[in-house]
Protein backbone atom coordinates (compact mmCIF):
# COMPACT_ATOMS: atom_id res chain seq x y z
CA MET A 1 -0.44 -0.10 -0.12
CA LEU A 2 1.39 3.10 -0.88
CA GLN A 3 2.06 5.72 1.79
CA HIS A 4 -0.22 8.73 0.91
CA ARG A 5 -2.70 5.93 0.47
CA GLN A 6 -2.03 3.78 3.94
CA GLN A 7 -2.42 6.99 6.30
CA GLN A 8 -5.94 7.77 4.55
CA TRP A 9 -7.20 5.17 5.13
CA ASP A 10 -5.50 4.79 8.85
CA ASN A 11 -7.07 8.34 8.84
CA ILE A 12 -10.42 6.76 8.24
CA LEU A 13 -10.39 4.33 10.26
CA GLN A 14 -9.19 6.56 13.80
CA MET A 15 -12.49 8.33 12.86
CA THR A 16 -14.47 5.35 13.24
CA GLN A 17 -13.05 5.01 16.74
CA MET A 18 -13.79 8.72 17.33
CA LEU A 19 -17.32 8.12 16.46
CA HIS A 20 -17.41 5.85 19.13
CA GLN A 21 -16.68 7.96 21.81
CA LEU A 22 -18.69 10.81 20.37
CA SER A 23 -21.53 8.07 20.74
CA ALA A 24 -20.59 7.89 24.07
CA ASP A 25 -20.63 11.33 25.02
CA GLU A 26 -23.42 11.66 23.63
CA ASN A 27 -22.17 14.10 21.03
CA TRP A 28 -24.22 13.59 18.60
CA GLN A 29 -23.60 17.25 16.64
CA ALA A 30 -19.96 16.35 16.85
CA MET A 31 -20.51 12.89 15.59
CA THR A 32 -22.68 13.84 12.81
CA GLU A 33 -19.76 16.49 11.78
CA LEU A 34 -17.40 13.23 12.15
CA GLU A 35 -19.20 10.85 9.41
CA SER A 36 -19.88 13.86 7.54
CA GLU A 37 -16.16 14.31 7.34
CA ARG A 38 -15.16 10.23 7.06
CA PHE A 39 -17.90 9.74 4.13
CA GLY A 40 -15.84 12.63 2.36
CA MET A 41 -12.87 10.53 2.65
CA LEU A 42 -13.90 7.73 2.02
CA LYS A 43 -15.71 9.13 -1.06
CA ASP A 44 -12.15 9.86 -2.03
CA PHE A 45 -10.03 7.06 -1.01
CA PHE A 46 -12.46 5.25 -3.42
CA SER A 47 -12.38 7.48 -6.28
CA GLU A 48 -8.98 5.38 -7.05
CA PRO A 49 -9.73 1.83 -7.47
CA VAL A 50 -8.28 -0.05 -4.75
CA ALA A 51 -4.69 -1.81 -5.41
CA LYS A 52 -4.42 -6.08 -5.01
CA ILE A 53 -1.34 -5.24 -2.80
CA GLU A 54 -4.29 -3.14 -0.52
CA ILE A 55 -6.82 -5.27 -0.68
CA ASN A 56 -6.84 -7.14 2.26
CA VAL A 57 -6.47 -4.26 4.18
CA VAL A 58 -9.27 -2.13 2.70
CA GLU A 59 -11.80 -5.64 3.48
CA GLU A 60 -10.61 -5.54 7.02
CA GLY A 61 -11.06 -1.85 8.00
CA ILE A 62 -14.44 -1.97 5.85
CA ARG A 63 -15.54 -4.73 8.11
CA GLN A 64 -14.59 -2.92 10.80
CA MET A 65 -16.48 -0.21 9.75
CA MET A 66 -19.41 -2.17 9.33
CA LYS A 67 -19.30 -3.21 12.70
CA SER A 68 -18.46 -0.05 14.45
CA ASP A 69 -21.41 1.55 12.35
CA ASP A 70 -24.14 -1.08 13.45
CA ILE A 71 -22.52 -0.48 17.04
CA LEU A 72 -23.60 3.30 16.77
CA LEU A 73 -26.78 2.59 14.99
CA GLN A 74 -28.18 0.62 18.15
CA HIS A 75 -26.70 3.19 20.61
CA SER A 76 -27.98 5.94 18.42
CA THR A 77 -31.15 4.35 18.34
CA HIS A 78 -31.83 3.24 21.52
CA HIS A 79 -31.16 6.97 22.65
CA GLN A 80 -33.85 7.92 20.72
CA GLN A 81 -36.38 5.65 21.43
CA ASN A 82 -35.26 7.41 25.37
CA MET A 83 -35.68 10.60 24.21
CA SER A 84 -39.29 9.60 22.90
CA GLU A 85 -40.49 7.87 26.03
CA GLY A 86 -38.63 11.15 27.79
CA VAL A 87 -40.82 13.03 25.64
CA LYS A 88 -44.12 11.75 26.14
CA LYS A 89 -43.46 11.35 30.10
CA MET A 90 -43.98 14.96 30.43
CA SER A 91 -46.52 15.18 28.04
CA THR A 92 -48.34 12.90 30.55
CA GLY A 93 -47.33 15.71 33.14
CA ARG A 94 -49.05 18.51 31.73
CA GLN A 95 -51.70 16.99 30.78
CA ALA A 96 -52.11 16.14 34.25
CA ILE A 97 -51.08 19.15 35.42
CA LYS A 98 -53.63 21.39 33.31
CA ALA A 99 -56.41 18.68 33.87
CA TYR A 100 -55.76 19.36 37.94
CA GLY A 101 -55.77 23.16 37.28
CA GLN A 102 -59.11 22.23 36.29
CA PHE A 103 -60.96 21.96 38.92
């Protein structure tokens, strides 16, 4: 693998790890920005054909990213469900307060 392409690929994989930390910190804004940046880097990386010498390294990296992205999706979905439940509870609380106010 050429030095420049290896560095590009390493940066992409590092961003994947950074996404996990941002997810753990629930820093959704930074996560969205980093994912967008990673997408751009992937697009740039794959604008050139993958050389035979790169295939194994790139294939393993893709597997890592897919597994990582699946975990991130599960965490994000769980967080979204918790937020929805919280909003429902707040709405119910407001309705109860409103009902009590009518007495």
